[in-house]
C-alpha cells in the first residue's frame, strides 16, 4: 500500500497545501481517495485520472469534502476521461444528501449521484470491502457523525489508520491498534490547553494515542496554517518514542 498526502492543512487550505485529502494505492486496482478538502482534486490530477478511484469520507465538514462536487463534474463531463462506470463511495449516513446539494442545479435540490457512484453508509466497526482494501470505521468524537478509518491491504496485510477529526477517545486506540502507520490529526497544535471540547486533538493527544495503540509510525496531519507544525510534532514526541513525521503535500509513504 502506498499513501500519498494530497493535502494536510487543517480547517482551511494553506498556500501550496490543500485541506484534508489522501490517496491510497495498491497494484492493479483503482486507488482510494480518502477525504476531499478544497484543492484536493487538483492534487489528484498531478498523479492520476481522478475518475479512476473509489472515495471514502471520514466526515462531511467542508475541509474534508468540498472538492467532491468538482469530482462529479470531472467524472461526468471530462471529454476524454469521464468515468466509464461506477466506483464505490462510503461515508456517513447523510452523504448523498449533503454532497448531493453541492452539485445540484436546483437551490433546494439533491443531485442523484447513483449514475457514477455506488454508495453505502459506514456502520460502526463493520468492515467494508473497498477493492483491494478492507476499511473498518470507528465512531469518534466530533460535532457531526465522524469516523476514524482502519485500512488493511489484502495483498500485504499492511495497516493504515486515519484518525479523521476527533477529540481524544479510547476508540482511536482501538482503531490504531498495532497499525503500521497512524495518520493522526493534531489541529490544536502544541498543547491541549483551552481546547474546545469534542472538536480536535493536539500533538500531545496524538502521541498518547500512538503509544497506547503500539503503532509503528505516527504521521501528524491536519495542522492549520496558523499553528507551529514542528512544535506540534515535538509535543507528540514527548509521549511517543517511535518515528514521527509531519504530513506534507506530495509526500508518499510505502506501508
Protein backbone atom coordinates (compact mmCIF):
# COMPACT_ATOMS: atom_id res chain seq x y z
CA UNK A 1 0.00 0.00 0.00
CA UNK A 2 1.19 3.48 -0.78
CA UNK A 3 -0.14 6.58 0.95
CA UNK A 4 0.18 9.92 -0.85
CA UNK A 5 -0.57 13.12 1.02
CA UNK A 6 -2.74 15.24 -1.29
CA UNK A 7 -3.37 17.90 1.34
CA UNK A 8 -2.68 18.12 5.06
CA UNK A 9 -3.75 21.61 6.07
CA UNK A 10 -6.26 21.71 8.90
CA UNK A 11 -9.61 23.53 8.84
CA UNK A 12 -8.70 25.63 5.77
CA UNK A 13 -6.38 25.17 2.78
CA UNK A 14 -2.99 26.87 3.02
CA UNK A 15 -0.77 28.28 0.26
CA UNK A 16 0.60 25.22 -1.56
CA UNK A 17 -1.26 22.82 0.71
CA UNK A 18 -4.87 21.71 0.15
CA UNK A 19 -7.08 20.83 3.08
CA UNK A 20 -7.53 17.19 4.06
CA UNK A 21 -7.04 14.61 1.32
CA UNK A 22 -5.12 11.36 0.96
CA UNK A 23 -4.62 8.80 -1.81
CA UNK A 24 -4.23 5.07 -1.18
CA UNK A 25 -2.90 2.85 -3.95
CA UNK A 26 -2.37 -0.88 -4.38
CA UNK A 27 -1.17 -2.62 -7.57
CA UNK A 28 -3.70 -3.50 -10.28
CA UNK A 29 -6.69 -1.79 -8.66
CA UNK A 30 -8.40 1.60 -8.61
CA UNK A 31 -6.97 3.87 -5.97
CA UNK A 32 -8.92 5.20 -2.99
CA UNK A 33 -9.32 8.91 -2.29
CA UNK A 34 -9.76 9.41 1.45
CA UNK A 35 -11.41 12.81 2.11
CA UNK A 36 -11.54 15.62 -0.46
CA UNK A 37 -10.98 19.06 1.05
CA UNK A 38 -10.53 22.23 -1.02
CA UNK A 39 -7.68 21.83 -3.52
CA UNK A 40 -7.56 18.03 -3.39
CA UNK A 41 -8.93 17.41 -6.88
CA UNK A 42 -6.12 19.46 -8.43
CA UNK A 43 -3.58 17.45 -6.43
CA UNK A 44 -5.06 14.16 -7.64
CA UNK A 45 -4.76 15.34 -11.26
CA UNK A 46 -0.99 15.63 -10.82
CA UNK A 47 -0.85 11.89 -10.05
CA UNK A 48 -3.63 10.10 -11.92
CA UNK A 49 -7.04 10.30 -13.56
CA UNK A 50 -9.36 11.35 -10.70
CA UNK A 51 -12.17 9.21 -12.14
CA UNK A 52 -10.17 6.01 -11.56
CA UNK A 53 -10.73 5.97 -7.82
CA UNK A 54 -13.14 4.97 -5.09
CA UNK A 55 -13.92 7.64 -2.50
CA UNK A 56 -14.27 7.31 1.28
CA UNK A 57 -15.07 10.05 3.78
CA UNK A 58 -14.28 10.30 7.47
CA UNK A 59 -16.92 13.04 7.84
CA UNK A 60 -18.58 15.85 5.94
CA UNK A 61 -17.13 19.10 7.24
CA UNK A 62 -16.18 21.36 4.33
CA UNK A 63 -12.43 21.00 4.79
CA UNK A 64 -12.83 17.26 4.19
CA UNK A 65 -15.38 17.09 1.35
CA UNK A 66 -15.74 20.37 -0.61
CA UNK A 67 -13.95 19.14 -3.75
CA UNK A 68 -16.38 16.25 -4.24
CA UNK A 69 -18.69 18.45 -6.34
CA UNK A 70 -15.80 19.17 -8.71
CA UNK A 71 -15.01 15.46 -8.91
CA UNK A 72 -18.61 14.89 -10.05
CA UNK A 73 -18.08 17.35 -12.91
CA UNK A 74 -14.87 15.55 -13.91
CA UNK A 75 -16.46 12.11 -13.78
CA UNK A 76 -19.48 13.14 -15.85
CA UNK A 77 -18.20 15.71 -18.33
CA UNK A 78 -14.48 15.38 -18.98
CA UNK A 79 -14.20 14.97 -22.79
CA UNK A 80 -11.70 12.08 -22.63
CA UNK A 81 -11.54 10.90 -19.02
CA UNK A 82 -15.16 10.81 -17.85
CA UNK A 83 -15.89 7.77 -15.68
CA UNK A 84 -16.86 4.71 -17.69
CA UNK A 85 -18.64 3.04 -14.80
CA UNK A 86 -19.49 3.40 -11.14
CA UNK A 87 -16.98 3.48 -8.32
CA UNK A 88 -17.58 2.86 -4.63
CA UNK A 89 -18.43 5.65 -2.19
CA UNK A 90 -18.52 5.25 1.58
CA UNK A 91 -19.23 7.87 4.20
CA UNK A 92 -21.64 8.94 6.94
CA UNK A 93 -25.34 8.19 6.53
CA UNK A 94 -26.17 11.67 5.21
CA UNK A 95 -23.52 11.69 2.46
CA UNK A 96 -25.90 11.55 -0.56
CA UNK A 97 -27.98 14.40 0.88
CA UNK A 98 -25.13 16.71 1.93
CA UNK A 99 -22.92 16.16 -1.08
CA UNK A 100 -25.88 15.97 -3.47
CA UNK A 101 -26.75 19.54 -2.51
CA UNK A 102 -23.26 20.70 -3.51
CA UNK A 103 -23.69 19.57 -7.12
CA UNK A 104 -27.43 20.10 -7.61
CA UNK A 105 -28.66 22.56 -10.26
CA UNK A 106 -31.64 23.47 -8.06
CA UNK A 107 -31.38 25.64 -4.91
CA UNK A 108 -33.23 23.05 -2.84
CA UNK A 109 -32.35 20.05 -4.99
CA UNK A 110 -30.24 16.97 -4.33
CA UNK A 111 -28.13 15.61 -7.19
CA UNK A 112 -28.62 11.86 -7.62
CA UNK A 113 -25.06 10.53 -7.74
CA UNK A 114 -26.08 6.91 -8.35
CA UNK A 115 -25.14 7.20 -12.04
CA UNK A 116 -21.45 7.37 -11.13
CA UNK A 117 -21.11 6.11 -7.52
CA UNK A 118 -22.48 3.15 -5.57
CA UNK A 119 -22.93 4.48 -2.02
CA UNK A 120 -23.06 2.62 1.28
CA UNK A 121 -23.01 4.28 4.71
CA UNK A 122 -20.50 3.40 7.37
CA UNK A 123 -21.78 1.26 10.21
CA UNK A 124 -19.88 1.32 13.47
CA UNK A 125 -16.95 -1.15 13.31
CA UNK A 126 -18.43 -3.05 10.35
CA UNK A 127 -15.63 -3.90 7.87
CA UNK A 128 -16.28 -2.92 4.27
CA UNK A 129 -14.57 -4.28 1.16
CA UNK A 130 -13.17 -1.45 -0.97
CA UNK A 131 -11.47 -3.29 -3.84
CA UNK A 132 -8.00 -4.37 -2.58
CA UNK A 133 -8.63 -2.95 0.91
CA UNK A 134 -10.82 -3.67 3.90
CA UNK A 135 -11.88 -0.48 5.69
CA UNK A 136 -13.32 -0.55 9.20
CA UNK A 137 -14.92 2.65 10.58
CA UNK A 138 -14.70 3.58 14.25
CA UNK A 139 -17.07 6.28 15.51
CA UNK A 140 -15.10 9.11 17.13
CA UNK A 141 -15.89 12.37 18.93
CA UNK A 142 -16.73 15.38 16.75
CA UNK A 143 -19.76 17.69 16.36
CA UNK A 144 -21.05 15.67 13.37
CA UNK A 145 -21.02 11.96 12.52
CA UNK A 146 -17.33 11.16 12.13
CA UNK A 147 -15.22 8.02 11.82
CA UNK A 148 -11.63 7.00 12.18
CA UNK A 149 -10.81 4.61 9.33
CA UNK A 150 -8.67 1.50 9.73
CA UNK A 151 -7.50 0.34 6.28
CA UNK A 152 -5.94 -3.09 5.69
CA UNK A 153 -4.41 -4.05 2.36
CA UNK A 154 -5.27 -7.61 1.40
CA UNK A 155 -2.05 -8.31 -0.53
CA UNK A 156 0.38 -7.47 2.26
CA UNK A 157 -1.67 -7.18 5.43
CA UNK A 158 -0.34 -3.63 5.87
CA UNK A 159 -2.49 -1.44 8.12
CA UNK A 160 -3.06 2.32 8.00
CA UNK A 161 -5.30 4.07 10.49
CA UNK A 162 -6.59 7.56 9.78
CA UNK A 163 -7.97 9.42 12.77
CA UNK A 164 -10.38 11.69 10.90
CA UNK A 165 -11.16 14.63 13.18
CA UNK A 166 -11.80 13.85 16.82
CA UNK A 167 -11.29 14.76 20.42
CA UNK A 168 -9.29 12.23 22.44
CA UNK A 169 -11.23 8.96 22.70
CA UNK A 170 -10.41 5.35 23.52
CA UNK A 171 -11.99 4.40 20.19
CA UNK A 172 -8.93 5.81 18.45
CA UNK A 173 -6.70 3.43 20.39
CA UNK A 174 -8.85 0.54 19.18
CA UNK A 175 -8.77 1.83 15.61
CA UNK A 176 -4.99 2.30 15.59
CA UNK A 177 -4.00 -0.87 17.46
CA UNK A 178 -0.68 -2.20 16.03
CA UNK A 179 -1.09 -0.15 12.83
CA UNK A 180 1.93 0.26 10.58
CA UNK A 181 1.07 3.95 10.13
CA UNK A 182 -1.21 6.13 12.23
CA UNK A 183 -2.19 9.26 10.31
CA UNK A 184 -3.43 11.47 13.12
CA UNK A 185 -4.80 14.99 13.23
CA UNK A 186 -3.33 17.47 15.70
CA UNK A 187 -5.25 20.62 14.90
CA UNK A 188 -4.81 22.19 18.32
CA UNK A 189 -1.05 22.25 17.97
CA UNK A 190 1.46 22.06 20.79
CA UNK A 191 -0.86 21.93 23.78
CA UNK A 192 -4.40 20.87 24.58
CA UNK A 193 -4.77 23.79 26.99
CA UNK A 194 -8.02 25.73 26.42
CA UNK A 195 -9.02 23.28 23.71
CA UNK A 196 -12.62 23.39 22.53
CA UNK A 197 -14.46 20.27 23.75
CA UNK A 198 -15.41 17.49 21.33
CA UNK A 199 -13.50 19.04 18.44
CA UNK A 200 -9.87 18.16 17.82
CA UNK A 201 -6.62 16.92 19.31
CA UNK A 202 -3.23 18.42 19.98
CA UNK A 203 0.20 16.89 19.43
CA UNK A 204 0.22 15.55 22.97
CA UNK A 205 -3.02 13.62 22.35
CA UNK A 206 -1.66 12.17 19.11
CA UNK A 207 1.45 10.96 20.89
CA UNK A 208 -0.50 9.41 23.74
CA UNK A 209 -2.81 7.50 21.40
CA UNK A 210 0.08 6.29 19.22
CA UNK A 211 1.91 4.99 22.29
CA UNK A 212 -1.17 3.28 23.77
CA UNK A 213 -2.02 1.65 20.44
CA UNK A 214 1.53 0.42 19.78
CA UNK A 215 1.68 1.89 16.28
CA UNK A 216 4.86 1.55 14.24
CA UNK A 217 4.88 5.12 12.86
CA UNK A 218 2.96 8.29 13.66
CA UNK A 219 2.25 10.84 10.93
CA UNK A 220 0.89 14.19 12.14
CA UNK A 221 -1.63 15.90 9.85
CA UNK A 222 -4.48 18.47 9.74
CA UNK A 223 -2.38 21.28 11.18
CA UNK A 224 -3.82 24.74 10.36
CA UNK A 225 -1.56 27.37 8.75
CA UNK A 226 -1.57 29.44 11.96
CA UNK A 227 -0.18 26.58 14.09
CA UNK A 228 3.52 25.75 14.57
CA UNK A 229 3.66 22.29 12.95
CA UNK A 230 7.17 21.41 14.13
CA UNK A 231 6.28 22.27 17.72
CA UNK A 232 3.23 20.03 17.36
CA UNK A 233 5.44 17.12 16.24
CA UNK A 234 7.76 17.79 19.19
CA UNK A 235 4.79 17.67 21.57
CA UNK A 236 3.78 14.26 20.19
CA UNK A 237 7.35 13.01 20.71
CA UNK A 238 7.06 13.73 24.43
CA UNK A 239 4.60 10.82 24.67
CA UNK A 240 5.54 8.51 21.76
CA UNK A 241 9.11 7.29 21.23
CA UNK A 242 8.61 5.78 17.77
CA UNK A 243 9.22 7.51 14.42
CA UNK A 244 7.13 10.63 13.77
CA UNK A 245 6.70 12.51 10.50
CA UNK A 246 4.80 15.63 9.54
CA UNK A 247 2.40 15.11 6.62
CA UNK A 248 3.27 17.46 3.75
CA UNK A 249 1.64 17.72 0.32
CA UNK A 250 3.11 15.32 -2.23
CA UNK A 251 4.75 13.16 0.42
CA UNK A 252 4.48 9.40 -0.17
CA UNK A 253 4.75 6.60 2.38
CA UNK A 254 5.10 2.93 1.47
CA UNK A 255 3.31 0.76 4.02
